[in-house]
Amino acid sequence: MGRRGPPKKPTALKVLQGIPGGKSKLVKNEPQPKKVKQAAPPYQLNERELKIWQEITPQLEAVGLLTGIDLQALARYVTALDQYLTAKAFVDAAGSFYYEIYFARTKSEIAEGKPARVKYRQVYPEVGIMRALSKELRSLEREFGMTPAARAGISVDGDPPRASDTTDALLYGET
């Protein structure tokens, strides 16, 4: 059985939100991986995936939510998003159903020229692929704070952090 309840919140997010009741609720020995800037993908991405990577990483870096050990998960997210967009483009162009299964016509129906009656329509496999990838993407988006619910309660100033700010020291480990 997996973990129960909501996922644990990283200490950095707790600090940014402000901890009600003091600092006693902070985890003392939580691993603090080094934040990254201008991150390169950990493995070869295709051209479309690389474009998605270049759109997403600066946004995650700007709020200090991307570390070196997150790059593999982000690369999986980018690959899944590209696959989702490919399946979506196909479904947008072709529709959700690809052929219809018909009831067999009797000899008299054929002689009278009656059209075949539809029994059911088959769904393209890309529709199922989109659904599965949507669940995977939603899970990864929560992990990276890419949904409104994941960002709820986080307070970030409008100005980008400078090297001398305590925010930069907290997010990037610089002093």
Protein backbone atom coordinates (compact mmCIF):
# COMPACT_ATOMS: atom_id res chain seq x y z
CA MET A 1 0.00 0.00 0.00
CA GLY A 2 1.29 3.46 -0.87
CA ARG A 3 1.48 6.53 1.29
CA ARG A 4 -1.77 7.90 2.59
CA GLY A 5 -2.93 11.47 2.65
CA PRO A 6 -1.62 14.45 0.76
CA PRO A 7 2.04 14.49 -0.26
CA LYS A 8 4.52 16.12 2.10
CA LYS A 9 5.30 19.75 1.38
CA PRO A 10 8.98 20.64 0.89
CA THR A 11 10.48 22.87 3.56
CA ALA A 12 11.34 25.54 0.98
CA LEU A 13 7.65 25.88 0.11
CA LYS A 14 6.74 26.05 3.81
CA VAL A 15 9.27 28.85 4.32
CA LEU A 16 7.96 30.79 1.30
CA GLN A 17 4.38 30.41 2.59
CA GLY A 18 5.22 31.33 6.15
CA ILE A 19 4.72 28.76 8.85
CA PRO A 20 1.85 29.39 11.22
CA GLY A 21 2.83 28.61 14.80
CA GLY A 22 6.57 29.12 14.39
CA LYS A 23 9.41 27.08 12.93
CA SER A 24 8.82 24.00 15.06
CA LYS A 25 6.98 22.29 12.19
CA LEU A 26 9.98 22.39 9.83
CA VAL A 27 11.81 19.16 9.03
CA LYS A 28 15.31 19.54 10.41
CA ASN A 29 17.34 17.22 8.15
CA GLU A 30 15.48 17.48 4.86
CA PRO A 31 17.80 17.03 1.86
CA GLN A 32 18.45 20.34 0.08
CA PRO A 33 19.49 19.62 -3.51
CA LYS A 34 21.20 22.44 -5.37
CA LYS A 35 18.91 24.66 -7.40
CA VAL A 36 19.78 24.97 -11.07
CA LYS A 37 19.78 27.82 -13.54
CA GLN A 38 19.68 27.40 -17.32
CA ALA A 39 19.21 23.65 -16.96
CA ALA A 40 20.09 21.41 -19.88
CA PRO A 41 17.94 18.32 -20.43
CA PRO A 42 19.45 15.12 -18.96
CA TYR A 43 19.06 13.20 -22.22
CA GLN A 44 18.38 13.83 -25.90
CA LEU A 45 14.96 15.32 -26.56
CA ASN A 46 13.40 15.64 -29.98
CA GLU A 47 12.88 19.09 -31.47
CA ARG A 48 9.32 19.53 -30.14
CA GLU A 49 10.26 18.28 -26.68
CA LEU A 50 13.26 20.61 -26.57
CA LYS A 51 10.98 23.56 -27.38
CA ILE A 52 8.66 22.59 -24.49
CA TRP A 53 11.72 22.20 -22.21
CA GLN A 54 12.91 25.69 -23.13
CA GLU A 55 9.47 27.14 -22.34
CA ILE A 56 9.03 25.42 -18.95
CA THR A 57 12.46 25.42 -17.32
CA PRO A 58 12.90 29.21 -17.06
CA GLN A 59 9.53 29.47 -15.32
CA LEU A 60 10.41 26.77 -12.78
CA GLU A 61 13.89 28.21 -12.26
CA ALA A 62 12.48 31.70 -11.69
CA VAL A 63 10.55 30.52 -8.64
CA GLY A 64 13.33 28.20 -7.44
CA LEU A 65 11.42 24.94 -7.91
CA LEU A 66 13.94 23.17 -10.15
CA THR A 67 16.91 21.28 -8.76
CA GLY A 68 19.47 19.02 -10.37
CA ILE A 69 17.71 15.86 -9.26
CA ASP A 70 14.40 17.08 -10.74
CA LEU A 71 15.72 17.11 -14.31
CA GLN A 72 14.86 13.46 -15.06
CA ALA A 73 11.28 13.92 -13.86
CA LEU A 74 10.95 17.13 -15.85
CA ALA A 75 12.29 15.39 -18.97
CA ARG A 76 9.65 12.65 -18.50
CA TYR A 77 7.02 15.37 -18.15
CA VAL A 78 8.19 17.05 -21.37
CA THR A 79 8.16 13.72 -23.26
CA ALA A 80 4.68 12.86 -21.96
CA LEU A 81 3.39 16.33 -22.86
CA ASP A 82 4.75 15.99 -26.39
CA GLN A 83 3.08 12.58 -26.76
CA TYR A 84 -0.17 14.01 -25.41
CA LEU A 85 -0.06 16.92 -27.87
CA THR A 86 0.65 14.52 -30.76
CA ALA A 87 -2.33 12.33 -29.83
CA LYS A 88 -4.50 15.42 -29.36
CA ALA A 89 -3.58 16.76 -32.81
CA PHE A 90 -4.60 13.42 -34.32
CA VAL A 91 -7.93 13.34 -32.45
CA ASP A 92 -8.61 16.98 -33.36
CA ALA A 93 -8.08 16.17 -37.04
CA ALA A 94 -9.78 12.77 -37.23
CA GLY A 95 -12.33 12.84 -34.43
CA SER A 96 -12.68 10.38 -31.57
CA PHE A 97 -14.22 7.51 -33.53
CA TYR A 98 -12.74 5.73 -36.51
CA TYR A 99 -15.27 3.29 -37.86
CA GLU A 100 -18.66 1.95 -37.13
CA ILE A 101 -19.63 -1.65 -36.55
CA TYR A 102 -22.84 -2.51 -38.34
CA PHE A 103 -25.55 -5.05 -37.70
CA ALA A 104 -25.74 -7.68 -40.41
CA ARG A 105 -28.47 -6.91 -42.96
CA THR A 106 -30.96 -9.53 -44.00
CA LYS A 107 -31.46 -10.46 -47.65
CA SER A 108 -34.76 -8.58 -47.69
CA GLU A 109 -33.09 -5.41 -46.28
CA ILE A 110 -30.41 -5.63 -48.93
CA ALA A 111 -33.04 -6.17 -51.67
CA GLU A 112 -35.04 -3.17 -50.44
CA GLY A 113 -31.88 -1.03 -50.40
CA LYS A 114 -32.08 -0.22 -46.69
CA PRO A 115 -28.86 1.14 -45.21
CA ALA A 116 -26.99 -0.83 -42.59
CA ARG A 117 -27.82 -0.01 -38.98
CA VAL A 118 -24.98 1.09 -36.74
CA LYS A 119 -24.27 -1.23 -33.84
CA TYR A 120 -21.48 0.87 -32.30
CA ARG A 121 -18.55 3.10 -33.22
CA GLN A 122 -14.97 2.23 -32.35
CA VAL A 123 -12.81 4.74 -30.47
CA TYR A 124 -9.36 5.63 -31.77
CA PRO A 125 -6.53 4.33 -29.56
CA GLU A 126 -5.21 7.92 -29.34
CA VAL A 127 -8.22 8.82 -27.18
CA GLY A 128 -7.13 6.27 -24.55
CA ILE A 129 -3.53 7.43 -24.89
CA MET A 130 -4.64 11.01 -24.22
CA ARG A 131 -6.55 9.94 -21.10
CA ALA A 132 -3.61 7.96 -19.68
CA LEU A 133 -1.12 10.73 -20.43
CA SER A 134 -3.47 13.31 -18.94
CA LYS A 135 -3.37 11.47 -15.60
CA GLU A 136 0.43 11.17 -15.72
CA LEU A 137 0.83 14.83 -16.65
CA ARG A 138 -1.51 15.94 -13.85
CA SER A 139 0.58 14.00 -11.33
CA LEU A 140 3.86 15.50 -12.56
CA GLU A 141 2.34 19.00 -12.73
CA ARG A 142 1.41 18.73 -9.05
CA GLU A 143 4.95 17.70 -8.18
CA PHE A 144 6.41 20.73 -9.96
CA GLY A 145 3.83 23.22 -8.67
CA MET A 146 2.33 23.74 -12.14
CA THR A 147 -1.30 23.75 -11.03
CA PRO A 148 -3.19 26.42 -9.10
CA ALA A 149 -3.84 24.00 -6.24
CA ALA A 150 -0.15 23.13 -6.00
CA ARG A 151 0.71 26.83 -5.73
CA ALA A 152 -2.05 27.69 -3.28
CA GLY A 153 -0.71 29.69 -0.38
CA ILE A 154 2.72 30.40 -1.87
CA SER A 155 3.62 34.07 -1.77
CA VAL A 156 6.31 35.27 -4.17
CA ASP A 157 7.28 38.92 -4.68
CA GLY A 158 6.74 40.41 -8.13
CA ASP A 159 10.39 41.46 -8.57
CA PRO A 160 12.88 38.76 -9.56
CA PRO A 161 15.30 37.88 -6.76
CA ARG A 162 18.76 39.45 -6.80
CA ALA A 163 21.99 37.74 -5.75
CA SER A 164 22.04 39.67 -2.46
CA ASP A 165 18.48 38.76 -1.51
CA THR A 166 17.83 36.20 1.18
CA THR A 167 15.29 34.70 -1.23
CA ASP A 168 18.08 33.94 -3.71
CA ALA A 169 20.13 32.40 -0.94
CA LEU A 170 17.19 30.23 0.06
CA LEU A 171 16.31 29.20 -3.46
CA TYR A 172 19.76 28.83 -5.02
CA GLY A 173 22.07 28.37 -2.03
CA GLU A 174 24.04 31.53 -2.89
CA THR A 175 25.37 33.92 -0.27
